[in-house]
């Protein structure tokens, strides 16, 4: 039987971690399941929760960023399929199933869950975030000549033997454009499927900012014109 690894990077998510973890545990993929949490030096009490969690937990001893957390998780992942789950409740883990099915039936190497393919999600975006996502996805389309609507989505599913051969350099949110650039340059069979989305506000813990959007533009350009 194939195995799936769910990587959950965590940073100061005390309020939402147990809720999203419960939702992930309930998803039935018809596969053996491995859940790995990578705590990127949380200081809000999140670490107190781990004593009651039965999954593998990796603790960073200083804050390094989402990209660094995922790099750590990828090194420990043992599944045939690898997917990414943030530690908040903006996304619905039930949406994983369709993404994973594309890899299970060998019709794709990489599948992104697109929030923008479902028009009902538009009202759930923060205005600046919506504009930023449209812009970055359009730039990705121009640079890599690929049909893509949501480059910055959290929900990314990979064939493990494909993603593990990709060297990840970015430590923070620029992981998203880097990994997208590199899998596309490597010739991945890529597709997107619609997913649901319910954005949280900065007050509720949203961490990505406009500065990360600017950095993403430079990251896309950098990895388009440099060797993988």
Foldseek 3Di string as FASTA:
>chain_A
DFEEEEEEEDAQLQPQQVVVVVQLVPACQVHHYAYEYEYQPHDNCNVVPCVPDPHHYHYDPHHFADLQSVVVVLVVDDGQKYKYDYRHPFFGNNVVNVQVVCVVVPVWFKEAADQVVDVVQPVQDDVVVVVLQQVLQVLLCVLLVDDDRGQQGRTMMGRSVLQSVDDQDDRYSLSSLQSVLRCSVVPTRYDYHYGHGHDDDVVVPDDDDVVVSVVNSVNNVVSSPDDD
